[in-house]
Amino acid sequence: MKKIFLIAAIIFAVVFYSFPATSEDKPLILGIHPYLAASLIHKRFTPLAEYLSKKVGQPVIIKVAQDYHDHIERVGKNEVHIALTGPVLYLKMVEKYGHKSILARFEANKKTFFRGVIITRKNSPIKSLSDIKGKRFAFGDPNSTMSHVIPRFMLLEAGIPLKKLGSHSFLKNHCNVALGVLIGDYDAGAVKEEVFNRYEDRGLKAIARTPFIPEYIFVADDNLSARTVQTLREALYNLKNETNGKEILSAIKQNLTGLVPCKDANYKNLRKIMRTLEEQDVKL
């Protein structure tokens, strides 16, 4: 009889452990586009990943895409479960892959909009957008809202298409642009306001500021259960009310005051700007 029980136990163990782990055992991937250096993104978002892990009862790990295009592909193909994406990236992803469940968007200083800055050095003779004609200009990633798309629109409005610049380069992220202008490799560039504020004291000045655009947005993988999506959404909304919520938010962005509800319709004006650029044969 003991042998029978032993054999039965062995068979049970083999069958039980042969099945793959349930989805609840697997980590959720928090995918983020490389708008800053990857090491800095990990530092900023690790507290949020740990918070979400406790709320959903699964590990949450951070993965930074190789570039903005890679991020669009990963999000669109459901290779990440939770994704933070910039406004232009969001619209491009929706256009190519369709809508996804929106979780929340940034609220900074109680506002759900942000803007960028066209920058130069403090000792530069450049004082306005028109002065940029013929100069060396630094963009971030081609898919960046504040480091390419909106500044490109502003330059066109000022009568400066790319061919009227002395030269231009894409430097991958906002910090690279700020540093490239500071060391004199470029006469001017475009960054988000947060980055300008960080580097202003090192010798930057603002030439112009962009229009306000709806903030960064979190979306969810199509394959997540409705319950998990709702749990994530509520966790993000309630973060500002948690004991350590302000610390988690400020780690991501110094003036981040909350994560709030969002609709696709919030980005309609940005869609119009992107269509205008495309009509001018600007490849986005």
C-alpha atoms as a PDB file:
ATOM      1  CA  MET A   1       0.000   0.000   0.000  1.00  0.00           C
ATOM      2  CA  LYS A   2       2.829   2.410   0.876  1.00  0.00           C
ATOM      3  CA  LYS A   3       4.395   1.738  -2.526  1.00  0.00           C
ATOM      4  CA  ILE A   4       1.098   2.555  -4.241  1.00  0.00           C
ATOM      5  CA  PHE A   5       0.839   5.874  -2.377  1.00  0.00           C
ATOM      6  CA  LEU A   6       4.480   6.660  -3.167  1.00  0.00           C
ATOM      7  CA  ILE A   7       3.994   5.962  -6.887  1.00  0.00           C
ATOM      8  CA  ALA A   8       0.808   8.043  -6.908  1.00  0.00           C
ATOM      9  CA  ALA A   9       2.619  10.948  -5.225  1.00  0.00           C
ATOM     10  CA  ILE A  10       5.438  10.817  -7.750  1.00  0.00           C
ATOM     11  CA  ILE A  11       2.996  10.775 -10.681  1.00  0.00           C
ATOM     12  CA  PHE A  12       1.099  13.726  -9.180  1.00  0.00           C
ATOM     13  CA  ALA A  13       4.310  15.719  -8.709  1.00  0.00           C
ATOM     14  CA  VAL A  14       5.470  15.051 -12.267  1.00  0.00           C
ATOM     15  CA  VAL A  15       2.111  16.031 -13.760  1.00  0.00           C
ATOM     16  CA  PHE A  16       1.697  19.086 -11.515  1.00  0.00           C
ATOM     17  CA  TYR A  17       5.145  20.548 -12.166  1.00  0.00           C
ATOM     18  CA  SER A  18       4.954  19.795 -15.880  1.00  0.00           C
ATOM     19  CA  PHE A  19       2.315  22.495 -16.341  1.00  0.00           C
ATOM     20  CA  PRO A  20       3.586  25.996 -17.066  1.00  0.00           C
ATOM     21  CA  ALA A  21       3.302  28.631 -14.366  1.00  0.00           C
ATOM     22  CA  THR A  22       0.033  30.520 -14.278  1.00  0.00           C
ATOM     23  CA  SER A  23      -0.091  34.077 -15.556  1.00  0.00           C
ATOM     24  CA  GLU A  24      -0.249  35.246 -11.949  1.00  0.00           C
ATOM     25  CA  ASP A  25       3.224  33.748 -11.363  1.00  0.00           C
ATOM     26  CA  LYS A  26       4.821  35.504 -14.319  1.00  0.00           C
ATOM     27  CA  PRO A  27       6.216  39.038 -14.055  1.00  0.00           C
ATOM     28  CA  LEU A  28       4.458  41.939 -15.680  1.00  0.00           C
ATOM     29  CA  ILE A  29       6.709  44.051 -17.889  1.00  0.00           C
ATOM     30  CA  LEU A  30       6.605  47.819 -17.485  1.00  0.00           C
ATOM     31  CA  GLY A  31       7.885  49.121 -20.821  1.00  0.00           C
ATOM     32  CA  ILE A  32       9.279  52.654 -21.105  1.00  0.00           C
ATOM     33  CA  HIS A  33      10.665  54.547 -24.093  1.00  0.00           C
ATOM     34  CA  PRO A  34      14.244  55.879 -23.701  1.00  0.00           C
ATOM     35  CA  TYR A  35      13.455  59.575 -23.290  1.00  0.00           C
ATOM     36  CA  LEU A  36      16.317  59.630 -20.762  1.00  0.00           C
ATOM     37  CA  ALA A  37      19.316  57.365 -20.199  1.00  0.00           C
ATOM     38  CA  ALA A  38      18.220  53.812 -19.354  1.00  0.00           C
ATOM     39  CA  SER A  39      19.969  53.865 -15.967  1.00  0.00           C
ATOM     40  CA  LEU A  40      18.096  57.014 -14.987  1.00  0.00           C
ATOM     41  CA  ILE A  41      14.766  55.561 -16.119  1.00  0.00           C
ATOM     42  CA  HIS A  42      15.325  52.430 -13.994  1.00  0.00           C
ATOM     43  CA  LYS A  43      16.134  54.605 -10.992  1.00  0.00           C
ATOM     44  CA  ARG A  44      13.057  56.762 -11.473  1.00  0.00           C
ATOM     45  CA  PHE A  45      10.543  53.991 -12.100  1.00  0.00           C
ATOM     46  CA  THR A  46      11.702  51.232  -9.739  1.00  0.00           C
ATOM     47  CA  PRO A  47       9.592  52.575  -6.826  1.00  0.00           C
ATOM     48  CA  LEU A  48       6.510  52.571  -9.089  1.00  0.00           C
ATOM     49  CA  ALA A  49       7.241  49.025 -10.276  1.00  0.00           C
ATOM     50  CA  GLU A  50       7.514  47.848  -6.668  1.00  0.00           C
ATOM     51  CA  TYR A  51       4.261  49.594  -5.768  1.00  0.00           C
ATOM     52  CA  LEU A  52       2.350  48.063  -8.694  1.00  0.00           C
ATOM     53  CA  SER A  53       3.798  44.643  -7.901  1.00  0.00           C
ATOM     54  CA  LYS A  54       2.236  44.746  -4.440  1.00  0.00           C
ATOM     55  CA  LYS A  55      -1.108  45.877  -5.836  1.00  0.00           C
ATOM     56  CA  VAL A  56      -1.429  43.213  -8.541  1.00  0.00           C
ATOM     57  CA  GLY A  57       0.320  40.427  -6.619  1.00  0.00           C
ATOM     58  CA  GLN A  58       2.853  39.808  -9.407  1.00  0.00           C
ATOM     59  CA  PRO A  59       6.427  40.929  -9.953  1.00  0.00           C
ATOM     60  CA  VAL A  60       6.698  44.018 -12.165  1.00  0.00           C
ATOM     61  CA  ILE A  61       9.966  44.485 -14.018  1.00  0.00           C
ATOM     62  CA  ILE A  62      11.151  47.480 -16.042  1.00  0.00           C
ATOM     63  CA  LYS A  63      12.307  47.187 -19.639  1.00  0.00           C
ATOM     64  CA  VAL A  64      13.586  50.206 -21.563  1.00  0.00           C
ATOM     65  CA  ALA A  65      13.221  50.019 -25.333  1.00  0.00           C
ATOM     66  CA  GLN A  66      16.256  50.403 -27.591  1.00  0.00           C
ATOM     67  CA  ASP A  67      14.709  53.478 -29.200  1.00  0.00           C
ATOM     68  CA  TYR A  68      11.310  55.110 -29.709  1.00  0.00           C
ATOM     69  CA  HIS A  69      10.434  52.997 -32.758  1.00  0.00           C
ATOM     70  CA  ASP A  70      11.290  49.825 -30.849  1.00  0.00           C
ATOM     71  CA  HIS A  71       8.947  50.976 -28.074  1.00  0.00           C
ATOM     72  CA  ILE A  72       6.061  51.478 -30.524  1.00  0.00           C
ATOM     73  CA  GLU A  73       6.584  47.951 -31.846  1.00  0.00           C
ATOM     74  CA  ARG A  74       6.796  46.372 -28.398  1.00  0.00           C
ATOM     75  CA  VAL A  75       3.666  48.106 -27.162  1.00  0.00           C
ATOM     76  CA  GLY A  76       1.715  47.494 -30.362  1.00  0.00           C
ATOM     77  CA  LYS A  77       2.599  43.798 -30.412  1.00  0.00           C
ATOM     78  CA  ASN A  78       1.741  43.326 -26.721  1.00  0.00           C
ATOM     79  CA  GLU A  79       5.323  42.512 -25.776  1.00  0.00           C
ATOM     80  CA  VAL A  80       4.992  44.660 -22.656  1.00  0.00           C
ATOM     81  CA  HIS A  81       2.075  44.539 -20.229  1.00  0.00           C
ATOM     82  CA  ILE A  82       2.119  48.119 -18.985  1.00  0.00           C
ATOM     83  CA  ALA A  83       3.582  50.854 -21.149  1.00  0.00           C
ATOM     84  CA  LEU A  84       4.449  54.466 -20.524  1.00  0.00           C
ATOM     85  CA  THR A  85       4.508  56.361 -23.775  1.00  0.00           C
ATOM     86  CA  GLY A  86       4.857  59.929 -24.962  1.00  0.00           C
ATOM     87  CA  PRO A  87       1.921  61.571 -26.784  1.00  0.00           C
ATOM     88  CA  VAL A  88       3.319  61.206 -30.325  1.00  0.00           C
ATOM     89  CA  LEU A  89       4.373  57.619 -29.652  1.00  0.00           C
ATOM     90  CA  TYR A  90       0.878  56.868 -28.369  1.00  0.00           C
ATOM     91  CA  LEU A  91      -0.783  58.254 -31.514  1.00  0.00           C
ATOM     92  CA  LYS A  92       1.619  56.428 -33.814  1.00  0.00           C
ATOM     93  CA  MET A  93       1.058  53.178 -31.954  1.00  0.00           C
ATOM     94  CA  VAL A  94      -2.729  53.590 -32.181  1.00  0.00           C
ATOM     95  CA  GLU A  95      -2.542  54.396 -35.883  1.00  0.00           C
ATOM     96  CA  LYS A  96      -0.538  51.255 -36.613  1.00  0.00           C
ATOM     97  CA  TYR A  97      -1.928  48.757 -34.103  1.00  0.00           C
ATOM     98  CA  GLY A  98      -5.258  50.140 -32.918  1.00  0.00           C
ATOM     99  CA  HIS A  99      -6.480  51.336 -29.540  1.00  0.00           C
ATOM    100  CA  LYS A 100      -5.414  49.830 -26.230  1.00  0.00           C
ATOM    101  CA  SER A 101      -6.839  50.193 -22.743  1.00  0.00           C
ATOM    102  CA  ILE A 102      -5.756  53.543 -21.331  1.00  0.00           C
ATOM    103  CA  LEU A 103      -4.697  53.317 -17.698  1.00  0.00           C
ATOM    104  CA  ALA A 104      -3.783  56.883 -16.703  1.00  0.00           C
ATOM    105  CA  ARG A 105      -1.731  59.921 -17.651  1.00  0.00           C
ATOM    106  CA  PHE A 106       0.681  62.198 -15.831  1.00  0.00           C
ATOM    107  CA  GLU A 107      -0.521  65.140 -13.788  1.00  0.00           C
ATOM    108  CA  ALA A 108       2.272  67.623 -13.019  1.00  0.00           C
ATOM    109  CA  ASN A 109       1.641  70.588 -10.724  1.00  0.00           C
ATOM    110  CA  LYS A 110      -2.042  69.606 -10.882  1.00  0.00           C
ATOM    111  CA  LYS A 111      -1.995  70.004 -14.689  1.00  0.00           C
ATOM    112  CA  THR A 112      -2.270  67.275 -17.315  1.00  0.00           C
ATOM    113  CA  PHE A 113      -0.343  69.149 -19.999  1.00  0.00           C
ATOM    114  CA  PHE A 114       3.372  69.756 -20.562  1.00  0.00           C
ATOM    115  CA  ARG A 115       5.522  71.700 -22.992  1.00  0.00           C
ATOM    116  CA  GLY A 116       8.961  71.876 -24.503  1.00  0.00           C
ATOM    117  CA  VAL A 117      11.624  74.521 -24.953  1.00  0.00           C
ATOM    118  CA  ILE A 118      13.761  75.557 -27.909  1.00  0.00           C
ATOM    119  CA  ILE A 119      17.157  76.176 -26.333  1.00  0.00           C
ATOM    120  CA  THR A 120      20.522  77.763 -26.991  1.00  0.00           C
ATOM    121  CA  ARG A 121      23.509  78.807 -24.866  1.00  0.00           C
ATOM    122  CA  LYS A 122      23.186  81.870 -22.652  1.00  0.00           C
ATOM    123  CA  ASN A 123      25.990  83.639 -24.496  1.00  0.00           C
ATOM    124  CA  SER A 124      24.503  82.868 -27.926  1.00  0.00           C
ATOM    125  CA  PRO A 125      23.353  85.732 -30.181  1.00  0.00           C
ATOM    126  CA  ILE A 126      20.254  83.665 -31.089  1.00  0.00           C
ATOM    127  CA  LYS A 127      17.203  85.395 -29.636  1.00  0.00           C
ATOM    128  CA  SER A 128      14.240  84.122 -31.662  1.00  0.00           C
ATOM    129  CA  LEU A 129      13.189  81.242 -33.890  1.00  0.00           C
ATOM    130  CA  SER A 130      14.021  83.244 -37.011  1.00  0.00           C
ATOM    131  CA  ASP A 131      17.646  83.452 -35.830  1.00  0.00           C
ATOM    132  CA  ILE A 132      17.939  79.667 -36.090  1.00  0.00           C
ATOM    133  CA  LYS A 133      17.998  79.792 -39.887  1.00  0.00           C
ATOM    134  CA  GLY A 134      21.332  78.482 -41.114  1.00  0.00           C
ATOM    135  CA  LYS A 135      22.319  77.178 -37.664  1.00  0.00           C
ATOM    136  CA  ARG A 136      23.173  73.695 -36.371  1.00  0.00           C
ATOM    137  CA  PHE A 137      20.092  72.211 -34.668  1.00  0.00           C
ATOM    138  CA  ALA A 138      19.781  69.188 -32.348  1.00  0.00           C
ATOM    139  CA  PHE A 139      16.621  67.093 -32.116  1.00  0.00           C
ATOM    140  CA  GLY A 140      16.118  64.110 -29.808  1.00  0.00           C
ATOM    141  CA  ASP A 141      14.404  61.040 -31.259  1.00  0.00           C
ATOM    142  CA  PRO A 142      12.381  61.454 -34.493  1.00  0.00           C
ATOM    143  CA  ASN A 143       9.324  60.142 -32.596  1.00  0.00           C
ATOM    144  CA  SER A 144       9.736  62.503 -29.642  1.00  0.00           C
ATOM    145  CA  THR A 145       6.867  64.905 -28.994  1.00  0.00           C
ATOM    146  CA  MET A 146       8.882  67.741 -27.471  1.00  0.00           C
ATOM    147  CA  SER A 147      12.274  67.010 -28.958  1.00  0.00           C
ATOM    148  CA  HIS A 148      11.172  66.746 -32.575  1.00  0.00           C
ATOM    149  CA  VAL A 149       7.510  66.809 -33.655  1.00  0.00           C
ATOM    150  CA  ILE A 150       6.297  69.992 -31.964  1.00  0.00           C
ATOM    151  CA  PRO A 151       9.592  71.915 -32.443  1.00  0.00           C
ATOM    152  CA  ARG A 152       9.607  70.832 -36.102  1.00  0.00           C
ATOM    153  CA  PHE A 153       6.089  72.258 -36.440  1.00  0.00           C
ATOM    154  CA  MET A 154       7.205  75.509 -34.813  1.00  0.00           C
ATOM    155  CA  LEU A 155      10.211  75.824 -37.124  1.00  0.00           C
ATOM    156  CA  LEU A 156       7.992  75.301 -40.155  1.00  0.00           C
ATOM    157  CA  GLU A 157       5.596  77.957 -38.866  1.00  0.00           C
ATOM    158  CA  ALA A 158       8.611  80.290 -38.602  1.00  0.00           C
ATOM    159  CA  GLY A 159       9.555  79.543 -42.215  1.00  0.00           C
ATOM    160  CA  ILE A 160      12.458  77.223 -41.390  1.00  0.00           C
ATOM    161  CA  PRO A 161      12.162  73.747 -42.934  1.00  0.00           C
ATOM    162  CA  LEU A 162      15.114  71.412 -42.449  1.00  0.00           C
ATOM    163  CA  LYS A 163      16.755  72.549 -45.678  1.00  0.00           C
ATOM    164  CA  LYS A 164      17.080  76.067 -44.234  1.00  0.00           C
ATOM    165  CA  LEU A 165      19.024  74.841 -41.220  1.00  0.00           C
ATOM    166  CA  GLY A 166      22.796  74.751 -41.449  1.00  0.00           C
ATOM    167  CA  SER A 167      22.622  71.130 -40.306  1.00  0.00           C
ATOM    168  CA  HIS A 168      20.611  68.962 -37.957  1.00  0.00           C
ATOM    169  CA  SER A 169      21.042  65.741 -36.000  1.00  0.00           C
ATOM    170  CA  PHE A 170      18.911  63.342 -33.950  1.00  0.00           C
ATOM    171  CA  LEU A 171      20.597  62.627 -30.614  1.00  0.00           C
ATOM    172  CA  LYS A 172      18.206  59.982 -29.206  1.00  0.00           C
ATOM    173  CA  ASN A 173      17.122  61.734 -25.997  1.00  0.00           C
ATOM    174  CA  HIS A 174      16.555  65.117 -24.360  1.00  0.00           C
ATOM    175  CA  CYS A 175      19.650  65.087 -22.158  1.00  0.00           C
ATOM    176  CA  ASN A 176      21.887  64.485 -25.149  1.00  0.00           C
ATOM    177  CA  VAL A 177      20.351  67.524 -26.835  1.00  0.00           C
ATOM    178  CA  ALA A 178      20.909  69.753 -23.793  1.00  0.00           C
ATOM    179  CA  LEU A 179      24.524  68.622 -23.472  1.00  0.00           C
ATOM    180  CA  GLY A 180      25.151  68.929 -27.202  1.00  0.00           C
ATOM    181  CA  VAL A 181      24.044  72.566 -27.123  1.00  0.00           C
ATOM    182  CA  LEU A 182      25.963  73.304 -23.925  1.00  0.00           C
ATOM    183  CA  ILE A 183      29.298  72.055 -25.279  1.00  0.00           C
ATOM    184  CA  GLY A 184      28.821  73.923 -28.534  1.00  0.00           C
ATOM    185  CA  ASP A 185      28.310  71.040 -30.961  1.00  0.00           C
ATOM    186  CA  TYR A 186      24.949  72.602 -31.836  1.00  0.00           C
ATOM    187  CA  ASP A 187      23.702  76.184 -31.883  1.00  0.00           C
ATOM    188  CA  ALA A 188      20.187  75.302 -30.730  1.00  0.00           C
ATOM    189  CA  GLY A 189      18.008  72.328 -29.894  1.00  0.00           C
ATOM    190  CA  ALA A 190      14.686  71.135 -28.530  1.00  0.00           C
ATOM    191  CA  VAL A 191      13.980  69.523 -25.148  1.00  0.00           C
ATOM    192  CA  LYS A 192      11.087  69.031 -22.757  1.00  0.00           C
ATOM    193  CA  GLU A 193      10.743  71.777 -20.158  1.00  0.00           C
ATOM    194  CA  GLU A 194      11.768  69.467 -17.319  1.00  0.00           C
ATOM    195  CA  VAL A 195      15.172  68.900 -18.952  1.00  0.00           C
ATOM    196  CA  PHE A 196      15.629  72.605 -19.700  1.00  0.00           C
ATOM    197  CA  ASN A 197      14.979  73.414 -16.036  1.00  0.00           C
ATOM    198  CA  ARG A 198      17.604  70.858 -14.987  1.00  0.00           C
ATOM    199  CA  TYR A 199      20.317  72.265 -17.262  1.00  0.00           C
ATOM    200  CA  GLU A 200      19.428  75.961 -17.324  1.00  0.00           C
ATOM    201  CA  ASP A 201      21.894  76.887 -14.570  1.00  0.00           C
ATOM    202  CA  ARG A 202      24.699  75.213 -16.505  1.00  0.00           C
ATOM    203  CA  GLY A 203      24.380  77.800 -19.258  1.00  0.00           C
ATOM    204  CA  LEU A 204      21.196  77.351 -21.291  1.00  0.00           C
ATOM    205  CA  LYS A 205      18.560  79.911 -22.218  1.00  0.00           C
ATOM    206  CA  ALA A 206      15.120  79.566 -23.774  1.00  0.00           C
ATOM    207  CA  ILE A 207      14.456  80.881 -27.274  1.00  0.00           C
ATOM    208  CA  ALA A 208      10.801  79.812 -27.361  1.00  0.00           C
ATOM    209  CA  ARG A 209       8.370  77.491 -25.620  1.00  0.00           C
ATOM    210  CA  THR A 210       6.056  75.048 -27.355  1.00  0.00           C
ATOM    211  CA  PRO A 211       2.262  74.937 -27.012  1.00  0.00           C
ATOM    212  CA  PHE A 212       0.988  72.804 -24.134  1.00  0.00           C
ATOM    213  CA  ILE A 213       0.398  69.163 -25.116  1.00  0.00           C
ATOM    214  CA  PRO A 214      -1.382  66.406 -23.119  1.00  0.00           C
ATOM    215  CA  GLU A 215       0.995  64.555 -20.811  1.00  0.00           C
ATOM    216  CA  TYR A 216       2.586  61.101 -20.990  1.00  0.00           C
ATOM    217  CA  ILE A 217       0.159  58.179 -20.903  1.00  0.00           C
ATOM    218  CA  PHE A 218       0.078  54.619 -19.526  1.00  0.00           C
ATOM    219  CA  VAL A 219      -1.619  51.907 -21.603  1.00  0.00           C
ATOM    220  CA  ALA A 220      -2.194  48.192 -21.037  1.00  0.00           C
ATOM    221  CA  ASP A 221      -1.510  45.011 -23.002  1.00  0.00           C
ATOM    222  CA  ASP A 222      -4.605  43.731 -24.850  1.00  0.00           C
ATOM    223  CA  ASN A 223      -4.143  40.301 -23.274  1.00  0.00           C
ATOM    224  CA  LEU A 224      -4.369  41.410 -19.649  1.00  0.00           C
ATOM    225  CA  SER A 225      -7.571  40.396 -17.906  1.00  0.00           C
ATOM    226  CA  ALA A 226     -10.199  43.054 -17.287  1.00  0.00           C
ATOM    227  CA  ARG A 227      -9.653  42.549 -13.556  1.00  0.00           C
ATOM    228  CA  THR A 228      -5.906  43.189 -13.836  1.00  0.00           C
ATOM    229  CA  VAL A 229      -6.456  46.276 -15.986  1.00  0.00           C
ATOM    230  CA  GLN A 230      -8.909  47.671 -13.446  1.00  0.00           C
ATOM    231  CA  THR A 231      -6.551  46.864 -10.562  1.00  0.00           C
ATOM    232  CA  LEU A 232      -3.715  48.702 -12.326  1.00  0.00           C
ATOM    233  CA  ARG A 233      -5.928  51.658 -13.158  1.00  0.00           C
ATOM    234  CA  GLU A 234      -7.131  52.037  -9.587  1.00  0.00           C
ATOM    235  CA  ALA A 235      -3.598  51.623  -8.240  1.00  0.00           C
ATOM    236  CA  LEU A 236      -2.333  54.422 -10.479  1.00  0.00           C
ATOM    237  CA  TYR A 237      -5.232  56.732  -9.616  1.00  0.00           C
ATOM    238  CA  ASN A 238      -4.839  56.117  -5.877  1.00  0.00           C
ATOM    239  CA  LEU A 239      -1.050  56.401  -5.800  1.00  0.00           C
ATOM    240  CA  LYS A 240      -1.062  60.047  -4.686  1.00  0.00           C
ATOM    241  CA  ASN A 241      -3.086  59.071  -1.618  1.00  0.00           C
ATOM    242  CA  GLU A 242      -0.726  56.287  -0.499  1.00  0.00           C
ATOM    243  CA  THR A 243       1.643  56.841   2.443  1.00  0.00           C
ATOM    244  CA  ASN A 244       4.694  56.887   0.171  1.00  0.00           C
ATOM    245  CA  GLY A 245       2.797  58.003  -2.931  1.00  0.00           C
ATOM    246  CA  LYS A 246       4.368  61.452  -3.185  1.00  0.00           C
ATOM    247  CA  GLU A 247       7.857  59.942  -2.983  1.00  0.00           C
ATOM    248  CA  ILE A 248       7.077  57.479  -5.777  1.00  0.00           C
ATOM    249  CA  LEU A 249       5.628  60.237  -7.958  1.00  0.00           C
ATOM    250  CA  SER A 250       8.463  62.702  -7.370  1.00  0.00           C
ATOM    251  CA  ALA A 251      10.995  59.973  -8.152  1.00  0.00           C
ATOM    252  CA  ILE A 252       9.495  59.751 -11.651  1.00  0.00           C
ATOM    253  CA  LYS A 253       9.258  63.505 -12.134  1.00  0.00           C
ATOM    254  CA  GLN A 254       9.917  66.159  -9.540  1.00  0.00           C
ATOM    255  CA  ASN A 255       6.648  68.035 -10.051  1.00  0.00           C
ATOM    256  CA  LEU A 256       4.459  64.971 -10.674  1.00  0.00           C
ATOM    257  CA  THR A 257       1.372  65.319  -8.469  1.00  0.00           C
ATOM    258  CA  GLY A 258      -0.703  62.375  -9.602  1.00  0.00           C
ATOM    259  CA  LEU A 259      -1.773  59.883 -12.250  1.00  0.00           C
ATOM    260  CA  VAL A 260      -5.248  60.647 -13.541  1.00  0.00           C
ATOM    261  CA  PRO A 261      -7.938  59.377 -15.955  1.00  0.00           C
ATOM    262  CA  CYS A 262      -7.433  60.000 -19.649  1.00  0.00           C
ATOM    263  CA  LYS A 263      -9.269  59.576 -22.961  1.00  0.00           C
ATOM    264  CA  ASP A 264      -7.986  59.190 -26.493  1.00  0.00           C
ATOM    265  CA  ALA A 265      -9.909  62.360 -27.413  1.00  0.00           C
ATOM    266  CA  ASN A 266      -7.504  64.372 -25.214  1.00  0.00           C
ATOM    267  CA  TYR A 267      -4.923  64.045 -28.002  1.00  0.00           C
ATOM    268  CA  LYS A 268      -7.038  65.318 -30.925  1.00  0.00           C
ATOM    269  CA  ASN A 269      -5.150  68.639 -31.232  1.00  0.00           C
ATOM    270  CA  LEU A 270      -1.845  66.817 -31.401  1.00  0.00           C
ATOM    271  CA  ARG A 271      -3.297  64.616 -34.147  1.00  0.00           C
ATOM    272  CA  LYS A 272      -4.068  67.776 -36.125  1.00  0.00           C
ATOM    273  CA  ILE A 273      -0.491  69.024 -35.754  1.00  0.00           C
ATOM    274  CA  MET A 274       0.869  65.671 -36.940  1.00  0.00           C
ATOM    275  CA  ARG A 275      -1.471  65.700 -39.963  1.00  0.00           C
ATOM    276  CA  THR A 276      -0.337  69.237 -40.806  1.00  0.00           C
ATOM    277  CA  LEU A 277       3.287  68.106 -40.766  1.00  0.00           C
ATOM    278  CA  GLU A 278       2.499  65.113 -42.945  1.00  0.00           C
ATOM    279  CA  GLU A 279       0.726  67.396 -45.433  1.00  0.00           C
ATOM    280  CA  GLN A 280       3.984  69.358 -45.614  1.00  0.00           C
ATOM    281  CA  ASP A 281       5.791  66.103 -46.484  1.00  0.00           C
ATOM    282  CA  VAL A 282       7.435  65.924 -43.082  1.00  0.00           C
ATOM    283  CA  LYS A 283       8.117  62.269 -42.342  1.00  0.00           C
ATOM    284  CA  LEU A 284       7.190  61.304 -38.798  1.00  0.00           C
END
